[in-house]
Each structure stands twice: as structure tokens, then as C-alpha cells.
């Protein structure tokens, strides 16, 4: 899992993974979309491959890269353990917003009641 995180920490590699999420792509397509040189993209793909995130197949003169789901699934399992942390925070935020909303309504009613009738 650490290799996956290290590989994804580099913005260009993260972008490559984002591109491959939509399906397999040849290196040339990634070069054009990322506005990087071919050697740079190839280096990033090698790092992603070493981390197990991508695999390729040869099609004539081209390499077609695809995402491997297993490392990302492992990362998802690890992140799942922390889901309760942000869900609890969202629940507390929802509660606070509801209290503020209710408090605002009460304040408006109180202000209306305190106004003298001639205003």
C-alpha cells in the first residue's frame, strides 16, 4: 500500500491514473493529453507499474496501458477504517446547522414580538 501512496503522490502520475480510469490508453495519447514529453510519461508509467497500479499490453508498435484495480481496492479498504471520522464530523455539522437554523427562527420571532406596535 505504501508503494501505491508514493506513486500517487506525484501529480503527473495521479493525472495518468485519472486518465486510465476511463479505460486503457496508448502512451502517445497520454503524452498529448498531459502535455508532457514521451520519456517523462514512460518514466511515470514505469513507477506506476512497479507499484502495481498499471499494466500494459503490446499492440504492434504501441503499448496500451490499463489500470489495475487491486492496489486501489486495497487503499479503499484502508480508507474505510477512517470513514467514521468524517461521517461523525458531518453529522455534528448537520446538527449544528439545524440548531443555528432553528435558533435563527426563534430570534426572528422574538424580535418581532419586542417591536412596539407603532414601528
PDB file of N, CA and C in Angstrom:
ATOM      1  N   UNK A   1       0.819  -1.191   0.000  1.00  0.00           N
ATOM      2  CA  UNK A   1       0.000   0.000   0.000  1.00  0.00           C
ATOM      3  C   UNK A   1       0.867   1.261   0.000  1.00  0.00           C
ATOM      4  N   UNK A   2       2.011   1.213   0.663  1.00  0.00           N
ATOM      5  CA  UNK A   2       2.885   2.386   0.694  1.00  0.00           C
ATOM      6  C   UNK A   2       3.397   2.717  -0.707  1.00  0.00           C
ATOM      7  N   UNK A   3       3.686   1.700  -1.499  1.00  0.00           N
ATOM      8  CA  UNK A   3       4.133   1.939  -2.877  1.00  0.00           C
ATOM      9  C   UNK A   3       3.032   2.634  -3.676  1.00  0.00           C
ATOM     10  N   UNK A   4       1.800   2.259  -3.435  1.00  0.00           N
ATOM     11  CA  UNK A   4       0.664   2.892  -4.114  1.00  0.00           C
ATOM     12  C   UNK A   4       0.581   4.362  -3.736  1.00  0.00           C
ATOM     13  N   UNK A   5       0.678   4.651  -2.449  1.00  0.00           N
ATOM     14  CA  UNK A   5       0.597   6.036  -1.986  1.00  0.00           C
ATOM     15  C   UNK A   5       1.754   6.870  -2.519  1.00  0.00           C
ATOM     16  N   UNK A   6       2.965   6.304  -2.501  1.00  0.00           N
ATOM     17  CA  UNK A   6       4.125   7.033  -3.033  1.00  0.00           C
ATOM     18  C   UNK A   6       3.937   7.325  -4.522  1.00  0.00           C
ATOM     19  N   UNK A   7       3.456   6.345  -5.249  1.00  0.00           N
ATOM     20  CA  UNK A   7       3.261   6.537  -6.691  1.00  0.00           C
ATOM     21  C   UNK A   7       2.205   7.606  -6.969  1.00  0.00           C
ATOM     22  N   UNK A   8       1.140   7.611  -6.210  1.00  0.00           N
ATOM     23  CA  UNK A   8       0.054   8.568  -6.434  1.00  0.00           C
ATOM     24  C   UNK A   8       0.376   9.969  -5.929  1.00  0.00           C
ATOM     25  N   UNK A   9       1.415  10.092  -5.093  1.00  0.00           N
ATOM     26  CA  UNK A   9       1.757  11.390  -4.510  1.00  0.00           C
ATOM     27  C   UNK A   9       2.280  12.380  -5.553  1.00  0.00           C
ATOM     28  N   UNK A  10       2.782  11.893  -6.664  1.00  0.00           N
ATOM     29  CA  UNK A  10       3.320  12.767  -7.715  1.00  0.00           C
ATOM     30  C   UNK A  10       2.162  13.188  -8.627  1.00  0.00           C
ATOM     31  N   UNK A  11       1.953  14.488  -8.809  1.00  0.00           N
ATOM     32  CA  UNK A  11       0.787  14.966  -9.562  1.00  0.00           C
ATOM     33  C   UNK A  11       0.650  14.400 -10.978  1.00  0.00           C
ATOM     34  N   UNK A  12       1.742  14.255 -11.704  1.00  0.00           N
ATOM     35  CA  UNK A  12       1.629  13.719 -13.071  1.00  0.00           C
ATOM     36  C   UNK A  12       1.180  12.265 -13.053  1.00  0.00           C
ATOM     37  N   UNK A  13       1.670  11.498 -12.098  1.00  0.00           N
ATOM     38  CA  UNK A  13       1.248  10.096 -12.009  1.00  0.00           C
ATOM     39  C   UNK A  13      -0.217  10.013 -11.598  1.00  0.00           C
ATOM     40  N   UNK A  14      -0.622  10.885 -10.712  1.00  0.00           N
ATOM     41  CA  UNK A  14      -2.031  10.934 -10.314  1.00  0.00           C
ATOM     42  C   UNK A  14      -2.904  11.236 -11.536  1.00  0.00           C
ATOM     43  N   UNK A  15      -2.456  12.168 -12.383  1.00  0.00           N
ATOM     44  CA  UNK A  15      -3.208  12.501 -13.599  1.00  0.00           C
ATOM     45  C   UNK A  15      -3.273  11.310 -14.552  1.00  0.00           C
ATOM     46  N   UNK A  16      -2.189  10.560 -14.641  1.00  0.00           N
ATOM     47  CA  UNK A  16      -2.186   9.372 -15.501  1.00  0.00           C
ATOM     48  C   UNK A  16      -3.232   8.375 -15.011  1.00  0.00           C
ATOM     49  N   UNK A  17      -3.282   8.172 -13.706  1.00  0.00           N
ATOM     50  CA  UNK A  17      -4.280   7.255 -13.138  1.00  0.00           C
ATOM     51  C   UNK A  17      -5.686   7.768 -13.445  1.00  0.00           C
ATOM     52  N   UNK A  18      -5.882   9.071 -13.344  1.00  0.00           N
ATOM     53  CA  UNK A  18      -7.186   9.653 -13.671  1.00  0.00           C
ATOM     54  C   UNK A  18      -7.550   9.392 -15.135  1.00  0.00           C
ATOM     55  N   UNK A  19      -6.583   9.539 -16.038  1.00  0.00           N
ATOM     56  CA  UNK A  19      -6.844   9.256 -17.455  1.00  0.00           C
ATOM     57  C   UNK A  19      -7.205   7.792 -17.672  1.00  0.00           C
ATOM     58  N   UNK A  20      -6.471   6.910 -17.012  1.00  0.00           N
ATOM     59  CA  UNK A  20      -6.688   5.476 -17.204  1.00  0.00           C
ATOM     60  C   UNK A  20      -7.979   4.985 -16.553  1.00  0.00           C
ATOM     61  N   UNK A  21      -8.539   5.775 -15.674  1.00  0.00           N
ATOM     62  CA  UNK A  21      -9.809   5.407 -15.047  1.00  0.00           C
ATOM     63  C   UNK A  21     -10.902   5.231 -16.103  1.00  0.00           C
ATOM     64  N   UNK A  22     -10.801   6.009 -17.176  1.00  0.00           N
ATOM     65  CA  UNK A  22     -11.795   5.936 -18.255  1.00  0.00           C
ATOM     66  C   UNK A  22     -11.554   4.780 -19.212  1.00  0.00           C
ATOM     67  N   UNK A  23     -10.432   4.088 -19.061  1.00  0.00           N
ATOM     68  CA  UNK A  23     -10.148   2.948 -19.923  1.00  0.00           C
ATOM     69  C   UNK A  23      -8.710   2.944 -20.403  1.00  0.00           C
ATOM     70  N   UNK A  24      -8.288   1.842 -21.007  1.00  0.00           N
ATOM     71  CA  UNK A  24      -6.908   1.713 -21.486  1.00  0.00           C
ATOM     72  C   UNK A  24      -6.559   2.792 -22.514  1.00  0.00           C
ATOM     73  N   UNK A  25      -5.291   3.211 -22.483  1.00  0.00           N
ATOM     74  CA  UNK A  25      -4.821   4.249 -23.406  1.00  0.00           C
ATOM     75  C   UNK A  25      -3.393   3.952 -23.854  1.00  0.00           C
ATOM     76  N   UNK A  26      -3.074   4.326 -25.079  1.00  0.00           N
ATOM     77  CA  UNK A  26      -1.681   4.223 -25.518  1.00  0.00           C
ATOM     78  C   UNK A  26      -0.857   5.376 -24.937  1.00  0.00           C
ATOM     79  N   UNK A  27       0.437   5.174 -24.877  1.00  0.00           N
ATOM     80  CA  UNK A  27       1.331   6.192 -24.318  1.00  0.00           C
ATOM     81  C   UNK A  27       1.185   7.512 -25.071  1.00  0.00           C
ATOM     82  N   UNK A  28       1.114   7.452 -26.393  1.00  0.00           N
ATOM     83  CA  UNK A  28       1.012   8.674 -27.196  1.00  0.00           C
ATOM     84  C   UNK A  28      -0.189   9.525 -26.832  1.00  0.00           C
ATOM     85  N   UNK A  29      -1.295   8.897 -26.527  1.00  0.00           N
ATOM     86  CA  UNK A  29      -2.496   9.626 -26.119  1.00  0.00           C
ATOM     87  C   UNK A  29      -2.257  10.352 -24.796  1.00  0.00           C
ATOM     88  N   UNK A  30      -1.594   9.677 -23.864  1.00  0.00           N
ATOM     89  CA  UNK A  30      -1.313  10.308 -22.570  1.00  0.00           C
ATOM     90  C   UNK A  30      -0.337  11.466 -22.728  1.00  0.00           C
ATOM     91  N   UNK A  31       0.643  11.316 -23.617  1.00  0.00           N
ATOM     92  CA  UNK A  31       1.602  12.393 -23.889  1.00  0.00           C
ATOM     93  C   UNK A  31       0.851  13.638 -24.353  1.00  0.00           C
ATOM     94  N   UNK A  32      -0.068  13.475 -25.284  1.00  0.00           N
ATOM     95  CA  UNK A  32      -0.835  14.614 -25.803  1.00  0.00           C
ATOM     96  C   UNK A  32      -1.726  15.231 -24.736  1.00  0.00           C
ATOM     97  N   UNK A  33      -2.407  14.409 -23.992  1.00  0.00           N
ATOM     98  CA  UNK A  33      -3.362  14.930 -23.001  1.00  0.00           C
ATOM     99  C   UNK A  33      -2.677  15.599 -21.815  1.00  0.00           C
ATOM    100  N   UNK A  34      -1.509  15.104 -21.438  1.00  0.00           N
ATOM    101  CA  UNK A  34      -0.811  15.643 -20.267  1.00  0.00           C
ATOM    102  C   UNK A  34       0.178  16.747 -20.621  1.00  0.00           C
ATOM    103  N   UNK A  35       0.426  16.938 -21.910  1.00  0.00           N
ATOM    104  CA  UNK A  35       1.397  17.942 -22.367  1.00  0.00           C
ATOM    105  C   UNK A  35       2.776  17.705 -21.754  1.00  0.00           C
ATOM    106  N   UNK A  36       3.163  16.441 -21.708  1.00  0.00           N
ATOM    107  CA  UNK A  36       4.486  16.050 -21.244  1.00  0.00           C
ATOM    108  C   UNK A  36       5.214  15.389 -22.403  1.00  0.00           C
ATOM    109  N   UNK A  37       6.512  15.248 -22.251  1.00  0.00           N
ATOM    110  CA  UNK A  37       7.277  14.534 -23.277  1.00  0.00           C
ATOM    111  C   UNK A  37       7.132  13.034 -23.059  1.00  0.00           C
ATOM    112  N   UNK A  38       7.309  12.283 -24.127  1.00  0.00           N
ATOM    113  CA  UNK A  38       7.150  10.828 -24.068  1.00  0.00           C
ATOM    114  C   UNK A  38       8.060  10.177 -23.023  1.00  0.00           C
ATOM    115  N   UNK A  39       9.351  10.578 -22.909  1.00  0.00           N
ATOM    116  CA  UNK A  39      10.188   9.948 -21.878  1.00  0.00           C
ATOM    117  C   UNK A  39       9.672  10.185 -20.455  1.00  0.00           C
ATOM    118  N   UNK A  40       9.099  11.366 -20.221  1.00  0.00           N
ATOM    119  CA  UNK A  40       8.545  11.652 -18.892  1.00  0.00           C
ATOM    120  C   UNK A  40       7.361  10.740 -18.593  1.00  0.00           C
ATOM    121  N   UNK A  41       6.467  10.626 -19.549  1.00  0.00           N
ATOM    122  CA  UNK A  41       5.288   9.775 -19.358  1.00  0.00           C
ATOM    123  C   UNK A  41       5.718   8.327 -19.164  1.00  0.00           C
ATOM    124  N   UNK A  42       6.681   7.881 -19.952  1.00  0.00           N
ATOM    125  CA  UNK A  42       7.164   6.499 -19.819  1.00  0.00           C
ATOM    126  C   UNK A  42       7.768   6.250 -18.444  1.00  0.00           C
ATOM    127  N   UNK A  43       8.501   7.229 -17.939  1.00  0.00           N
ATOM    128  CA  UNK A  43       9.089   7.088 -16.597  1.00  0.00           C
ATOM    129  C   UNK A  43       7.988   6.986 -15.539  1.00  0.00           C
ATOM    130  N   UNK A  44       6.980   7.843 -15.650  1.00  0.00           N
ATOM    131  CA  UNK A  44       5.873   7.803 -14.690  1.00  0.00           C
ATOM    132  C   UNK A  44       5.126   6.474 -14.785  1.00  0.00           C
ATOM    133  N   UNK A  45       4.942   5.984 -15.993  1.00  0.00           N
ATOM    134  CA  UNK A  45       4.261   4.698 -16.171  1.00  0.00           C
ATOM    135  C   UNK A  45       5.079   3.554 -15.578  1.00  0.00           C
ATOM    136  N   UNK A  46       6.393   3.647 -15.664  1.00  0.00           N
ATOM    137  CA  UNK A  46       7.241   2.618 -15.069  1.00  0.00           C
ATOM    138  C   UNK A  46       7.071   2.607 -13.541  1.00  0.00           C
ATOM    139  N   UNK A  47       7.040   3.793 -12.934  1.00  0.00           N
ATOM    140  CA  UNK A  47       6.843   3.884 -11.481  1.00  0.00           C
ATOM    141  C   UNK A  47       5.469   3.329 -11.104  1.00  0.00           C
ATOM    142  N   UNK A  48       4.451   3.700 -11.863  1.00  0.00           N
ATOM    143  CA  UNK A  48       3.103   3.182 -11.595  1.00  0.00           C
ATOM    144  C   UNK A  48       3.050   1.668 -11.779  1.00  0.00           C
ATOM    145  N   UNK A  49       3.765   1.170 -12.764  1.00  0.00           N
ATOM    146  CA  UNK A  49       3.829  -0.279 -12.986  1.00  0.00           C
ATOM    147  C   UNK A  49       4.537  -0.990 -11.850  1.00  0.00           C
ATOM    148  N   UNK A  50       5.647  -0.407 -11.378  1.00  0.00           N
ATOM    149  CA  UNK A  50       6.378  -1.001 -10.250  1.00  0.00           C
ATOM    150  C   UNK A  50       5.514  -1.050  -8.993  1.00  0.00           C
ATOM    151  N   UNK A  51       4.614  -0.072  -8.858  1.00  0.00           N
ATOM    152  CA  UNK A  51       3.702  -0.041  -7.708  1.00  0.00           C
ATOM    153  C   UNK A  51       2.498  -0.958  -7.921  1.00  0.00           C
ATOM    154  N   UNK A  52       2.391  -1.550  -9.101  1.00  0.00           N
ATOM    155  CA  UNK A  52       1.284  -2.461  -9.384  1.00  0.00           C
ATOM    156  C   UNK A  52       0.004  -1.774  -9.810  1.00  0.00           C
ATOM    157  N   UNK A  53       0.076  -0.468 -10.065  1.00  0.00           N
ATOM    158  CA  UNK A  53      -1.129   0.282 -10.407  1.00  0.00           C
ATOM    159  C   UNK A  53      -1.541   0.162 -11.871  1.00  0.00           C
ATOM    160  N   UNK A  54      -0.574  -0.089 -12.752  1.00  0.00           N
ATOM    161  CA  UNK A  54      -0.896  -0.200 -14.174  1.00  0.00           C
ATOM    162  C   UNK A  54      -0.250  -1.448 -14.763  1.00  0.00           C
ATOM    163  N   UNK A  55      -0.817  -1.873 -15.874  1.00  0.00           N
ATOM    164  CA  UNK A  55      -0.246  -2.968 -16.655  1.00  0.00           C
ATOM    165  C   UNK A  55      -0.373  -2.564 -18.117  1.00  0.00           C
ATOM    166  N   UNK A  56       0.359  -3.236 -18.979  1.00  0.00           N
ATOM    167  CA  UNK A  56       0.274  -2.885 -20.390  1.00  0.00           C
ATOM    168  C   UNK A  56       0.238  -4.133 -21.249  1.00  0.00           C
ATOM    169  N   UNK A  57      -0.248  -3.914 -22.467  1.00  0.00           N
ATOM    170  CA  UNK A  57      -0.189  -4.954 -23.489  1.00  0.00           C
ATOM    171  C   UNK A  57       0.400  -4.302 -24.730  1.00  0.00           C
ATOM    172  N   UNK A  58       1.092  -5.087 -25.504  1.00  0.00           N
ATOM    173  CA  UNK A  58       1.719  -4.576 -26.721  1.00  0.00           C
ATOM    174  C   UNK A  58       0.759  -4.784 -27.885  1.00  0.00           C
ATOM    175  N   UNK A  59       0.554  -3.720 -28.636  1.00  0.00           N
ATOM    176  CA  UNK A  59      -0.290  -3.761 -29.827  1.00  0.00           C
ATOM    177  C   UNK A  59       0.539  -3.188 -30.975  1.00  0.00           C
ATOM    178  N   UNK A  60       1.143  -4.071 -31.745  1.00  0.00           N
ATOM    179  CA  UNK A  60       2.072  -3.687 -32.825  1.00  0.00           C
ATOM    180  C   UNK A  60       3.226  -2.888 -32.226  1.00  0.00           C
ATOM    181  N   UNK A  61       3.332  -1.615 -32.560  1.00  0.00           N
ATOM    182  CA  UNK A  61       4.429  -0.778 -32.054  1.00  0.00           C
ATOM    183  C   UNK A  61       4.040   0.000 -30.791  1.00  0.00           C
ATOM    184  N   UNK A  62       2.827  -0.168 -30.330  1.00  0.00           N
ATOM    185  CA  UNK A  62       2.347   0.649 -29.207  1.00  0.00           C
ATOM    186  C   UNK A  62       2.164  -0.187 -27.951  1.00  0.00           C
ATOM    187  N   UNK A  63       2.317   0.484 -26.830  1.00  0.00           N
ATOM    188  CA  UNK A  63       1.969  -0.110 -25.537  1.00  0.00           C
ATOM    189  C   UNK A  63       0.663   0.532 -25.083  1.00  0.00           C
ATOM    190  N   UNK A  64      -0.285  -0.309 -24.761  1.00  0.00           N
ATOM    191  CA  UNK A  64      -1.583   0.163 -24.277  1.00  0.00           C
ATOM    192  C   UNK A  64      -1.615  -0.101 -22.776  1.00  0.00           C
ATOM    193  N   UNK A  65      -1.752   0.974 -22.002  1.00  0.00           N
ATOM    194  CA  UNK A  65      -1.740   0.858 -20.543  1.00  0.00           C
ATOM    195  C   UNK A  65      -3.161   0.843 -19.994  1.00  0.00           C
ATOM    196  N   UNK A  66      -3.320   0.082 -18.925  1.00  0.00           N
ATOM    197  CA  UNK A  66      -4.618  -0.020 -18.246  1.00  0.00           C
ATOM    198  C   UNK A  66      -4.383  -0.006 -16.740  1.00  0.00           C
ATOM    199  N   UNK A  67      -5.384   0.431 -16.038  1.00  0.00           N
ATOM    200  CA  UNK A  67      -5.346   0.464 -14.576  1.00  0.00           C
ATOM    201  C   UNK A  67      -5.553  -0.930 -14.011  1.00  0.00           C
ATOM    202  N   UNK A  68      -4.837  -1.237 -12.954  1.00  0.00           N
ATOM    203  CA  UNK A  68      -5.058  -2.486 -12.220  1.00  0.00           C
ATOM    204  C   UNK A  68      -5.837  -2.119 -10.956  1.00  0.00           C
ATOM    205  N   UNK A  69      -6.992  -2.676 -10.730  1.00  0.00           N
ATOM    206  CA  UNK A  69      -7.833  -2.259  -9.606  1.00  0.00           C
ATOM    207  C   UNK A  69      -7.349  -2.724  -8.231  1.00  0.00           C
ATOM    208  N   UNK A  70      -6.590  -3.796  -8.148  1.00  0.00           N
ATOM    209  CA  UNK A  70      -6.246  -4.375  -6.841  1.00  0.00           C
ATOM    210  C   UNK A  70      -5.584  -3.382  -5.881  1.00  0.00           C
ATOM    211  N   UNK A  71      -4.555  -2.626  -6.282  1.00  0.00           N
ATOM    212  CA  UNK A  71      -3.948  -1.692  -5.326  1.00  0.00           C
ATOM    213  C   UNK A  71      -4.911  -0.602  -4.870  1.00  0.00           C
ATOM    214  N   UNK A  72      -5.784  -0.175  -5.768  1.00  0.00           N
ATOM    215  CA  UNK A  72      -6.755   0.855  -5.390  1.00  0.00           C
ATOM    216  C   UNK A  72      -7.812   0.291  -4.445  1.00  0.00           C
ATOM    217  N   UNK A  73      -8.171  -0.964  -4.636  1.00  0.00           N
ATOM    218  CA  UNK A  73      -9.120  -1.603  -3.721  1.00  0.00           C
ATOM    219  C   UNK A  73      -8.501  -1.752  -2.335  1.00  0.00           C
ATOM    220  N   UNK A  74      -7.217  -2.076  -2.295  1.00  0.00           N
ATOM    221  CA  UNK A  74      -6.518  -2.179  -1.011  1.00  0.00           C
ATOM    222  C   UNK A  74      -6.517  -0.830  -0.298  1.00  0.00           C
ATOM    223  N   UNK A  75      -6.300   0.230  -1.054  1.00  0.00           N
ATOM    224  CA  UNK A  75      -6.322   1.577  -0.497  1.00  0.00           C
ATOM    225  C   UNK A  75      -7.720   1.926   0.004  1.00  0.00           C
ATOM    226  N   UNK A  76      -8.738   1.526  -0.734  1.00  0.00           N
ATOM    227  CA  UNK A  76     -10.122   1.786  -0.330  1.00  0.00           C
ATOM    228  C   UNK A  76     -10.452   1.082   0.990  1.00  0.00           C
ATOM    229  N   UNK A  77      -9.995  -0.147   1.140  1.00  0.00           N
ATOM    230  CA  UNK A  77     -10.227  -0.897   2.380  1.00  0.00           C
ATOM    231  C   UNK A  77      -9.573  -0.171   3.551  1.00  0.00           C
ATOM    232  N   UNK A  78      -8.364   0.311   3.336  1.00  0.00           N
ATOM    233  CA  UNK A  78      -7.652   1.031   4.397  1.00  0.00           C
ATOM    234  C   UNK A  78      -8.391   2.327   4.754  1.00  0.00           C
ATOM    235  N   UNK A  79      -8.833   3.076   3.744  1.00  0.00           N
ATOM    236  CA  UNK A  79      -9.542   4.330   3.992  1.00  0.00           C
ATOM    237  C   UNK A  79     -10.888   4.109   4.670  1.00  0.00           C
ATOM    238  N   UNK A  80     -11.500   2.976   4.421  1.00  0.00           N
ATOM    239  CA  UNK A  80     -12.804   2.663   5.009  1.00  0.00           C
ATOM    240  C   UNK A  80     -12.755   2.735   6.534  1.00  0.00           C
ATOM    241  N   UNK A  81     -11.614   2.376   7.103  1.00  0.00           N
ATOM    242  CA  UNK A  81     -11.484   2.414   8.567  1.00  0.00           C
ATOM    243  C   UNK A  81     -11.590   3.833   9.111  1.00  0.00           C
ATOM    244  N   UNK A  82     -11.356   4.823   8.268  1.00  0.00           N
ATOM    245  CA  UNK A  82     -11.391   6.221   8.704  1.00  0.00           C
ATOM    246  C   UNK A  82     -12.694   6.914   8.330  1.00  0.00           C
ATOM    247  N   UNK A  83     -13.550   6.224   7.619  1.00  0.00           N
ATOM    248  CA  UNK A  83     -14.813   6.813   7.175  1.00  0.00           C
ATOM    249  C   UNK A  83     -15.639   7.339   8.352  1.00  0.00           C
ATOM    250  N   UNK A  84     -15.655   6.615   9.444  1.00  0.00           N
ATOM    251  CA  UNK A  84     -16.466   7.039  10.590  1.00  0.00           C
ATOM    252  C   UNK A  84     -16.010   8.390  11.127  1.00  0.00           C
ATOM    253  N   UNK A  85     -14.722   8.709  10.978  1.00  0.00           N
ATOM    254  CA  UNK A  85     -14.229  10.004  11.451  1.00  0.00           C
ATOM    255  C   UNK A  85     -14.915  11.155  10.731  1.00  0.00           C
ATOM    256  N   UNK A  86     -14.947  11.093   9.397  1.00  0.00           N
ATOM    257  CA  UNK A  86     -15.570  12.209   8.700  1.00  0.00           C
ATOM    258  C   UNK A  86     -17.081  12.119   8.713  1.00  0.00           C
ATOM    259  N   UNK A  87     -17.641  10.919   8.808  1.00  0.00           N
ATOM    260  CA  UNK A  87     -19.096  10.821   8.909  1.00  0.00           C
ATOM    261  C   UNK A  87     -19.580  11.421  10.223  1.00  0.00           C
ATOM    262  N   UNK A  88     -18.839  11.174  11.315  1.00  0.00           N
ATOM    263  CA  UNK A  88     -19.188  11.781  12.600  1.00  0.00           C
ATOM    264  C   UNK A  88     -19.105  13.303  12.507  1.00  0.00           C
ATOM    265  N   UNK A  89     -18.061  13.806  11.851  1.00  0.00           N
ATOM    266  CA  UNK A  89     -17.923  15.256  11.702  1.00  0.00           C
ATOM    267  C   UNK A  89     -19.070  15.839  10.883  1.00  0.00           C
ATOM    268  N   UNK A  90     -19.458  15.161   9.816  1.00  0.00           N
ATOM    269  CA  UNK A  90     -20.580  15.642   9.010  1.00  0.00           C
ATOM    270  C   UNK A  90     -21.880  15.617   9.815  1.00  0.00           C
ATOM    271  N   UNK A  91     -22.062  14.604  10.633  1.00  0.00           N
ATOM    272  CA  UNK A  91     -23.270  14.525  11.449  1.00  0.00           C
ATOM    273  C   UNK A  91     -23.307  15.678  12.450  1.00  0.00           C
ATOM    274  N   UNK A  92     -22.165  15.964  13.074  1.00  0.00           N
ATOM    275  CA  UNK A  92     -22.108  17.088  14.015  1.00  0.00           C
ATOM    276  C   UNK A  92     -22.368  18.411  13.298  1.00  0.00           C
ATOM    277  N   UNK A  93     -21.829  18.550  12.091  1.00  0.00           N
ATOM    278  CA  UNK A  93     -22.060  19.763  11.316  1.00  0.00           C
ATOM    279  C   UNK A  93     -23.541  19.899  10.964  1.00  0.00           C
ATOM    280  N   UNK A  94     -24.169  18.817  10.547  1.00  0.00           N
ATOM    281  CA  UNK A  94     -25.607  18.847  10.253  1.00  0.00           C
ATOM    282  C   UNK A  94     -26.407  19.271  11.477  1.00  0.00           C
ATOM    283  N   UNK A  95     -26.050  18.713  12.627  1.00  0.00           N
ATOM    284  CA  UNK A  95     -26.744  19.057  13.871  1.00  0.00           C
ATOM    285  C   UNK A  95     -26.567  20.537  14.185  1.00  0.00           C
ATOM    286  N   UNK A  96     -25.335  21.034  14.065  1.00  0.00           N
ATOM    287  CA  UNK A  96     -25.063  22.441  14.340  1.00  0.00           C
ATOM    288  C   UNK A  96     -25.836  23.343  13.384  1.00  0.00           C
ATOM    289  N   UNK A  97     -25.835  23.014  12.116  1.00  0.00           N
ATOM    290  CA  UNK A  97     -26.566  23.830  11.145  1.00  0.00           C
ATOM    291  C   UNK A  97     -28.060  23.845  11.440  1.00  0.00           C
ATOM    292  N   UNK A  98     -28.590  22.714  11.832  1.00  0.00           N
ATOM    293  CA  UNK A  98     -30.011  22.650  12.183  1.00  0.00           C
ATOM    294  C   UNK A  98     -30.292  23.504  13.420  1.00  0.00           C
ATOM    295  N   UNK A  99     -29.403  23.444  14.406  1.00  0.00           N
ATOM    296  CA  UNK A  99     -29.578  24.264  15.611  1.00  0.00           C
ATOM    297  C   UNK A  99     -29.497  25.748  15.275  1.00  0.00           C
ATOM    298  N   UNK A 100     -28.552  26.113  14.423  1.00  0.00           N
ATOM    299  CA  UNK A 100     -28.432  27.517  14.021  1.00  0.00           C
ATOM    300  C   UNK A 100     -29.672  27.971  13.264  1.00  0.00           C
ATOM    301  N   UNK A 101     -30.170  27.127  12.402  1.00  0.00           N
ATOM    302  CA  UNK A 101     -31.365  27.441  11.631  1.00  0.00           C
ATOM    303  C   UNK A 101     -32.560  27.631  12.563  1.00  0.00           C
ATOM    304  N   UNK A 102     -32.732  26.725  13.500  1.00  0.00           N
ATOM    305  CA  UNK A 102     -33.827  26.809  14.466  1.00  0.00           C
ATOM    306  C   UNK A 102     -33.657  28.030  15.358  1.00  0.00           C
ATOM    307  N   UNK A 103     -32.428  28.289  15.807  1.00  0.00           N
ATOM    308  CA  UNK A 103     -32.147  29.457  16.647  1.00  0.00           C
ATOM    309  C   UNK A 103     -32.429  30.751  15.918  1.00  0.00           C
ATOM    310  N   UNK A 104     -32.119  30.813  14.637  1.00  0.00           N
ATOM    311  CA  UNK A 104     -32.378  31.999  13.828  1.00  0.00           C
ATOM    312  C   UNK A 104     -33.877  32.256  13.740  1.00  0.00           C
ATOM    313  N   UNK A 105     -34.675  31.223  13.571  1.00  0.00           N
ATOM    314  CA  UNK A 105     -36.131  31.383  13.521  1.00  0.00           C
ATOM    315  C   UNK A 105     -36.652  31.913  14.852  1.00  0.00           C
ATOM    316  N   UNK A 106     -36.131  31.386  15.955  1.00  0.00           N
ATOM    317  CA  UNK A 106     -36.582  31.834  17.273  1.00  0.00           C
ATOM    318  C   UNK A 106     -36.226  33.299  17.485  1.00  0.00           C
ATOM    319  N   UNK A 107     -35.012  33.707  17.053  1.00  0.00           N
ATOM    320  CA  UNK A 107     -34.594  35.099  17.217  1.00  0.00           C
ATOM    321  C   UNK A 107     -35.484  36.032  16.411  1.00  0.00           C
ATOM    322  N   UNK A 108     -35.843  35.630  15.209  1.00  0.00           N
ATOM    323  CA  UNK A 108     -36.717  36.468  14.384  1.00  0.00           C
ATOM    324  C   UNK A 108     -38.070  36.654  15.059  1.00  0.00           C
ATOM    325  N   UNK A 109     -38.619  35.565  15.613  1.00  0.00           N
ATOM    326  CA  UNK A 109     -39.914  35.652  16.289  1.00  0.00           C
ATOM    327  C   UNK A 109     -39.810  36.561  17.512  1.00  0.00           C
ATOM    328  N   UNK A 110     -38.726  36.439  18.253  1.00  0.00           N
ATOM    329  CA  UNK A 110     -38.537  37.244  19.457  1.00  0.00           C
ATOM    330  C   UNK A 110     -38.426  38.718  19.090  1.00  0.00           C
ATOM    331  N   UNK A 111     -37.687  39.055  18.037  1.00  0.00           N
ATOM    332  CA  UNK A 111     -37.542  40.448  17.615  1.00  0.00           C
ATOM    333  C   UNK A 111     -38.885  41.023  17.193  1.00  0.00           C
ATOM    334  N   UNK A 112     -39.681  40.250  16.482  1.00  0.00           N
ATOM    335  CA  UNK A 112     -40.991  40.719  16.043  1.00  0.00           C
ATOM    336  C   UNK A 112     -41.887  40.989  17.250  1.00  0.00           C
ATOM    337  N   UNK A 113     -41.804  40.167  18.254  1.00  0.00           N
ATOM    338  CA  UNK A 113     -42.653  40.321  19.427  1.00  0.00           C
ATOM    339  C   UNK A 113     -42.235  41.536  20.245  1.00  0.00           C
ATOM    340  N   UNK A 114     -40.963  41.906  20.251  1.00  0.00           N
ATOM    341  CA  UNK A 114     -40.473  43.015  21.066  1.00  0.00           C
ATOM    342  C   UNK A 114     -40.706  44.376  20.415  1.00  0.00           C
ATOM    343  N   UNK A 115     -40.967  44.420  19.124  1.00  0.00           N
ATOM    344  CA  UNK A 115     -41.160  45.695  18.447  1.00  0.00           C
ATOM    345  C   UNK A 115     -42.418  46.386  18.968  1.00  0.00           C
ATOM    346  N   UNK A 116     -42.294  47.672  19.161  1.00  0.00           N
ATOM    347  CA  UNK A 116     -43.513  48.401  19.540  1.00  0.00           C
ATOM    348  C   UNK A 116     -44.495  48.392  18.370  1.00  0.00           C
ATOM    349  N   UNK A 117     -45.751  48.412  18.651  1.00  0.00           N
ATOM    350  CA  UNK A 117     -46.764  48.301  17.602  1.00  0.00           C
ATOM    351  C   UNK A 117     -46.730  49.458  16.605  1.00  0.00           C
ATOM    352  N   UNK A 118     -46.201  50.622  16.948  1.00  0.00           N
ATOM    353  CA  UNK A 118     -46.183  51.775  16.039  1.00  0.00           C
ATOM    354  C   UNK A 118     -45.000  51.767  15.069  1.00  0.00           C
ATOM    355  N   UNK A 119     -44.101  50.765  15.154  1.00  0.00           N
ATOM    356  CA  UNK A 119     -42.952  50.775  14.242  1.00  0.00           C
ATOM    357  C   UNK A 119     -43.174  49.949  13.019  1.00  0.00           C
TER     358      UNK A 119
END
